[in-house]
Amino acid sequence: MESVYAPLHNQWVEPLKARYETILQTYRLDEARLHSPYPPGLLAQIKQARRERWANKTRELELERERRGEVVARTIRRRRQAHKVARNVSRGRICRAGQAEAGS
């Protein structure tokens, strides 16, 4: 007794072979990509991300130290700035009562 599907064997197997070939092609492309060098743009992006990560970590540590009560550079920068008249007192640039502004 002969099978009903035996004469059509190639029609059944051909789509499977085609799919198998596409899978093999993707494996070949993956292998080629594995051995190719990284693009310069990607390397630059990675370096920038690492720099930003360090900056963020440093900022987080400074915030933590500031919360504990330490005076760090960030604390000093954030302090309320004095009025410009008060800043100029030490430089002698303000007018004193009774003196003219122009050089006397």
N, C-alpha and C. Protein backbone atom coordinates (compact mmCIF):
# COMPACT_ATOMS: atom_id res chain seq x y z
N MET A 1 0.82 -1.17 0.00
CA MET A 1 0.00 0.00 0.00
C MET A 1 0.88 1.25 0.00
N GLU A 2 0.61 2.12 -0.89
CA GLU A 2 1.40 3.34 -1.05
C GLU A 2 0.72 4.48 -0.30
N SER A 3 1.54 5.32 0.34
CA SER A 3 1.01 6.45 1.10
C SER A 3 0.44 7.50 0.16
N VAL A 4 -0.55 8.18 0.65
CA VAL A 4 -1.19 9.25 -0.14
C VAL A 4 -0.25 10.44 -0.26
N TYR A 5 0.58 10.66 0.75
CA TYR A 5 1.45 11.84 0.78
C TYR A 5 2.81 11.60 0.14
N ALA A 6 3.17 10.39 -0.18
CA ALA A 6 4.48 10.08 -0.74
C ALA A 6 4.76 10.81 -2.04
N PRO A 7 3.85 10.89 -2.98
CA PRO A 7 4.16 11.62 -4.21
C PRO A 7 4.33 13.13 -3.98
N LEU A 8 3.76 13.67 -2.94
CA LEU A 8 3.83 15.11 -2.65
C LEU A 8 4.88 15.43 -1.58
N HIS A 9 5.81 14.52 -1.36
CA HIS A 9 6.82 14.69 -0.31
C HIS A 9 7.59 16.00 -0.48
N ASN A 10 8.04 16.32 -1.68
CA ASN A 10 8.80 17.56 -1.91
C ASN A 10 7.98 18.80 -1.60
N GLN A 11 6.71 18.77 -1.89
CA GLN A 11 5.86 19.92 -1.59
C GLN A 11 5.73 20.13 -0.08
N TRP A 12 5.79 19.05 0.69
CA TRP A 12 5.72 19.17 2.14
C TRP A 12 7.05 19.63 2.73
N VAL A 13 8.12 19.16 2.17
CA VAL A 13 9.45 19.41 2.74
C VAL A 13 10.02 20.76 2.30
N GLU A 14 9.68 21.22 1.13
CA GLU A 14 10.27 22.44 0.58
C GLU A 14 10.07 23.67 1.48
N PRO A 15 8.89 23.97 2.02
CA PRO A 15 8.76 25.12 2.94
C PRO A 15 9.61 24.96 4.20
N LEU A 16 9.74 23.73 4.68
CA LEU A 16 10.58 23.50 5.86
C LEU A 16 12.05 23.77 5.55
N LYS A 17 12.49 23.34 4.38
CA LYS A 17 13.87 23.59 3.97
C LYS A 17 14.13 25.08 3.81
N ALA A 18 13.17 25.78 3.23
CA ALA A 18 13.33 27.23 3.04
C ALA A 18 13.44 27.94 4.40
N ARG A 19 12.60 27.56 5.34
CA ARG A 19 12.65 28.16 6.68
C ARG A 19 13.97 27.82 7.37
N TYR A 20 14.43 26.59 7.20
CA TYR A 20 15.70 26.16 7.77
C TYR A 20 16.85 27.00 7.21
N GLU A 21 16.81 27.29 5.92
CA GLU A 21 17.86 28.11 5.29
C GLU A 21 17.85 29.53 5.84
N THR A 22 16.67 30.10 6.07
CA THR A 22 16.62 31.46 6.63
C THR A 22 17.18 31.48 8.05
N ILE A 23 16.91 30.43 8.81
CA ILE A 23 17.46 30.34 10.17
C ILE A 23 18.98 30.22 10.12
N LEU A 24 19.49 29.40 9.21
CA LEU A 24 20.95 29.28 9.07
C LEU A 24 21.58 30.60 8.65
N GLN A 25 20.91 31.33 7.78
CA GLN A 25 21.42 32.63 7.34
C GLN A 25 21.51 33.60 8.51
N THR A 26 20.51 33.60 9.39
CA THR A 26 20.58 34.49 10.55
C THR A 26 21.72 34.08 11.48
N TYR A 27 21.97 32.79 11.64
CA TYR A 27 23.10 32.34 12.45
C TYR A 27 24.42 32.79 11.83
N ARG A 28 24.53 32.72 10.52
CA ARG A 28 25.76 33.18 9.85
C ARG A 28 25.96 34.68 10.06
N LEU A 29 24.88 35.45 9.94
CA LEU A 29 24.99 36.90 10.16
C LEU A 29 25.35 37.22 11.61
N ASP A 30 24.78 36.48 12.55
CA ASP A 30 25.13 36.68 13.96
C ASP A 30 26.60 36.38 14.21
N GLU A 31 27.10 35.34 13.60
CA GLU A 31 28.52 34.98 13.74
C GLU A 31 29.41 36.08 13.16
N ALA A 32 29.04 36.60 12.00
CA ALA A 32 29.82 37.68 11.39
C ALA A 32 29.79 38.93 12.26
N ARG A 33 28.63 39.25 12.83
CA ARG A 33 28.51 40.43 13.69
C ARG A 33 29.32 40.25 14.97
N LEU A 34 29.39 39.02 15.45
CA LEU A 34 30.16 38.72 16.66
C LEU A 34 31.64 39.05 16.46
N HIS A 35 32.16 38.78 15.29
CA HIS A 35 33.58 38.98 15.03
C HIS A 35 33.90 40.34 14.42
N SER A 36 32.92 41.17 14.18
CA SER A 36 33.18 42.50 13.62
C SER A 36 33.45 43.48 14.75
N PRO A 37 34.22 44.55 14.49
CA PRO A 37 34.52 45.53 15.55
C PRO A 37 33.29 46.39 15.86
N TYR A 38 33.29 46.97 17.06
CA TYR A 38 32.20 47.86 17.45
C TYR A 38 32.27 49.15 16.65
N PRO A 39 31.14 49.73 16.28
CA PRO A 39 31.16 51.01 15.57
C PRO A 39 31.68 52.12 16.49
N PRO A 40 32.42 53.09 15.94
CA PRO A 40 32.96 54.18 16.78
C PRO A 40 31.88 54.98 17.49
N GLY A 41 30.74 55.17 16.84
CA GLY A 41 29.65 55.91 17.47
C GLY A 41 29.14 55.22 18.73
N LEU A 42 29.06 53.91 18.68
CA LEU A 42 28.61 53.14 19.84
C LEU A 42 29.63 53.23 20.97
N LEU A 43 30.91 53.16 20.63
CA LEU A 43 31.95 53.27 21.66
C LEU A 43 31.91 54.64 22.33
N ALA A 44 31.69 55.70 21.54
CA ALA A 44 31.59 57.04 22.11
C ALA A 44 30.39 57.15 23.03
N GLN A 45 29.29 56.55 22.63
CA GLN A 45 28.07 56.57 23.44
C GLN A 45 28.29 55.83 24.76
N ILE A 46 29.00 54.72 24.72
CA ILE A 46 29.28 53.95 25.94
C ILE A 46 30.17 54.76 26.88
N LYS A 47 31.20 55.41 26.33
CA LYS A 47 32.09 56.22 27.17
C LYS A 47 31.34 57.37 27.83
N GLN A 48 30.46 58.03 27.07
CA GLN A 48 29.67 59.13 27.62
C GLN A 48 28.74 58.63 28.72
N ALA A 49 28.15 57.48 28.52
CA ALA A 49 27.25 56.91 29.54
C ALA A 49 28.02 56.59 30.81
N ARG A 50 29.24 56.10 30.67
CA ARG A 50 30.06 55.80 31.86
C ARG A 50 30.42 57.09 32.59
N ARG A 51 30.76 58.14 31.84
CA ARG A 51 31.07 59.43 32.47
C ARG A 51 29.86 59.94 33.25
N GLU A 52 28.69 59.88 32.63
CA GLU A 52 27.48 60.35 33.30
C GLU A 52 27.16 59.51 34.53
N ARG A 53 27.43 58.23 34.44
CA ARG A 53 27.18 57.36 35.59
C ARG A 53 28.06 57.76 36.77
N TRP A 54 29.34 58.02 36.51
CA TRP A 54 30.24 58.45 37.58
C TRP A 54 29.79 59.78 38.17
N ALA A 55 29.37 60.70 37.29
CA ALA A 55 28.91 62.00 37.77
C ALA A 55 27.68 61.84 38.66
N ASN A 56 26.75 60.98 38.24
CA ASN A 56 25.54 60.76 39.04
C ASN A 56 25.87 60.13 40.38
N LYS A 57 26.77 59.15 40.37
CA LYS A 57 27.15 58.49 41.62
C LYS A 57 27.83 59.48 42.57
N THR A 58 28.70 60.33 42.02
CA THR A 58 29.37 61.33 42.84
C THR A 58 28.35 62.29 43.44
N ARG A 59 27.40 62.72 42.63
CA ARG A 59 26.36 63.63 43.10
C ARG A 59 25.54 62.97 44.21
N GLU A 60 25.20 61.70 44.03
CA GLU A 60 24.43 60.99 45.05
C GLU A 60 25.21 60.90 46.36
N LEU A 61 26.51 60.62 46.26
CA LEU A 61 27.32 60.52 47.48
C LEU A 61 27.43 61.87 48.17
N GLU A 62 27.57 62.95 47.38
CA GLU A 62 27.63 64.28 47.98
C GLU A 62 26.33 64.63 48.68
N LEU A 63 25.21 64.28 48.06
CA LEU A 63 23.92 64.53 48.69
C LEU A 63 23.80 63.76 50.00
N GLU A 64 24.25 62.54 50.00
CA GLU A 64 24.19 61.73 51.22
C GLU A 64 25.06 62.34 52.31
N ARG A 65 26.26 62.77 51.96
CA ARG A 65 27.14 63.41 52.94
C ARG A 65 26.52 64.70 53.45
N GLU A 66 25.88 65.45 52.54
CA GLU A 66 25.24 66.70 52.94
C GLU A 66 24.07 66.43 53.89
N ARG A 67 23.31 65.38 53.65
CA ARG A 67 22.20 65.02 54.53
C ARG A 67 22.69 64.65 55.93
N ARG A 68 23.88 64.07 55.99
CA ARG A 68 24.45 63.70 57.30
C ARG A 68 24.97 64.92 58.05
N GLY A 69 25.06 66.06 57.37
CA GLY A 69 25.48 67.28 58.05
C GLY A 69 26.85 67.78 57.67
N GLU A 70 27.54 67.10 56.78
CA GLU A 70 28.85 67.58 56.35
C GLU A 70 28.69 68.79 55.45
N VAL A 71 29.66 69.68 55.52
CA VAL A 71 29.66 70.83 54.63
C VAL A 71 30.55 70.48 53.44
N VAL A 72 29.93 70.32 52.30
CA VAL A 72 30.65 69.98 51.08
C VAL A 72 30.59 71.18 50.14
N ALA A 73 31.30 71.10 49.04
CA ALA A 73 31.34 72.22 48.09
C ALA A 73 29.95 72.60 47.61
N ARG A 74 29.10 71.62 47.44
CA ARG A 74 27.73 71.87 46.98
C ARG A 74 26.97 72.70 48.02
N THR A 75 27.20 72.44 49.30
CA THR A 75 26.53 73.18 50.37
C THR A 75 26.94 74.64 50.32
N ILE A 76 28.21 74.88 50.13
CA ILE A 76 28.71 76.25 50.09
C ILE A 76 28.15 76.99 48.89
N ARG A 77 28.07 76.33 47.75
CA ARG A 77 27.52 76.98 46.55
C ARG A 77 26.05 77.32 46.72
N ARG A 78 25.32 76.49 47.47
CA ARG A 78 23.88 76.68 47.61
C ARG A 78 23.51 77.68 48.69
N ARG A 79 24.44 78.09 49.51
CA ARG A 79 24.12 79.04 50.57
C ARG A 79 23.56 80.31 49.97
N ARG A 80 22.76 80.99 50.76
CA ARG A 80 22.19 82.25 50.28
C ARG A 80 23.29 83.25 50.04
N GLN A 81 23.27 83.85 48.89
CA GLN A 81 24.28 84.85 48.56
C GLN A 81 23.90 86.18 49.22
N ALA A 82 24.91 86.91 49.63
CA ALA A 82 24.68 88.21 50.27
C ALA A 82 24.24 89.23 49.23
N HIS A 83 23.63 90.30 49.71
CA HIS A 83 23.24 91.39 48.83
C HIS A 83 24.49 92.01 48.24
N LYS A 84 24.38 92.58 47.03
CA LYS A 84 25.58 93.10 46.38
C LYS A 84 26.23 94.23 47.15
N VAL A 85 25.46 95.01 47.93
CA VAL A 85 26.05 96.06 48.75
C VAL A 85 26.93 95.41 49.82
N ALA A 86 26.44 94.35 50.41
CA ALA A 86 27.22 93.68 51.45
C ALA A 86 28.48 93.04 50.87
N ARG A 87 28.41 92.58 49.64
CA ARG A 87 29.58 91.98 49.02
C ARG A 87 30.64 93.03 48.70
N ASN A 88 30.22 94.26 48.43
CA ASN A 88 31.17 95.31 48.05
C ASN A 88 31.76 96.03 49.25
N VAL A 89 31.29 95.78 50.46
CA VAL A 89 31.80 96.46 51.65
C VAL A 89 33.28 96.19 51.80
N SER A 90 33.69 94.97 51.64
CA SER A 90 35.09 94.65 51.84
C SER A 90 35.97 95.26 50.75
N ARG A 91 35.41 95.57 49.62
CA ARG A 91 36.18 96.15 48.52
C ARG A 91 36.22 97.67 48.58
N GLY A 92 35.45 98.29 49.49
CA GLY A 92 35.45 99.73 49.63
C GLY A 92 34.76 100.44 48.49
N ARG A 93 33.76 99.86 47.91
CA ARG A 93 33.10 100.45 46.75
C ARG A 93 31.77 101.14 47.09
N ILE A 94 31.40 101.21 48.34
CA ILE A 94 30.13 101.86 48.65
C ILE A 94 30.38 103.30 49.06
N CYS A 95 29.37 104.16 48.91
CA CYS A 95 29.48 105.57 49.30
C CYS A 95 29.24 105.69 50.79
N ARG A 96 30.01 106.50 51.39
CA ARG A 96 29.77 106.77 52.80
C ARG A 96 28.96 108.05 52.90
N ALA A 97 28.22 108.17 53.97
CA ALA A 97 27.38 109.36 54.16
C ALA A 97 28.26 110.59 54.25
N GLY A 98 27.89 111.64 53.53
CA GLY A 98 28.64 112.89 53.59
C GLY A 98 29.73 112.98 52.54
N GLN A 99 30.00 111.94 51.80
CA GLN A 99 31.02 112.02 50.76
C GLN A 99 30.34 111.99 49.40
N ALA A 100 30.90 112.72 48.50
CA ALA A 100 30.37 112.72 47.14
C ALA A 100 30.80 111.43 46.45
N GLU A 101 30.04 111.07 45.45
CA GLU A 101 30.37 109.84 44.74
C GLU A 101 31.60 109.98 43.87
N ALA A 102 31.84 111.16 43.38
CA ALA A 102 32.92 111.33 42.41
C ALA A 102 34.22 111.66 43.12
N GLY A 103 34.93 110.70 43.52
CA GLY A 103 36.31 110.79 43.94
C GLY A 103 36.69 111.57 45.16
N SER A 104 35.82 112.16 45.98
CA SER A 104 36.31 112.88 47.12
C SER A 104 36.48 112.01 48.31
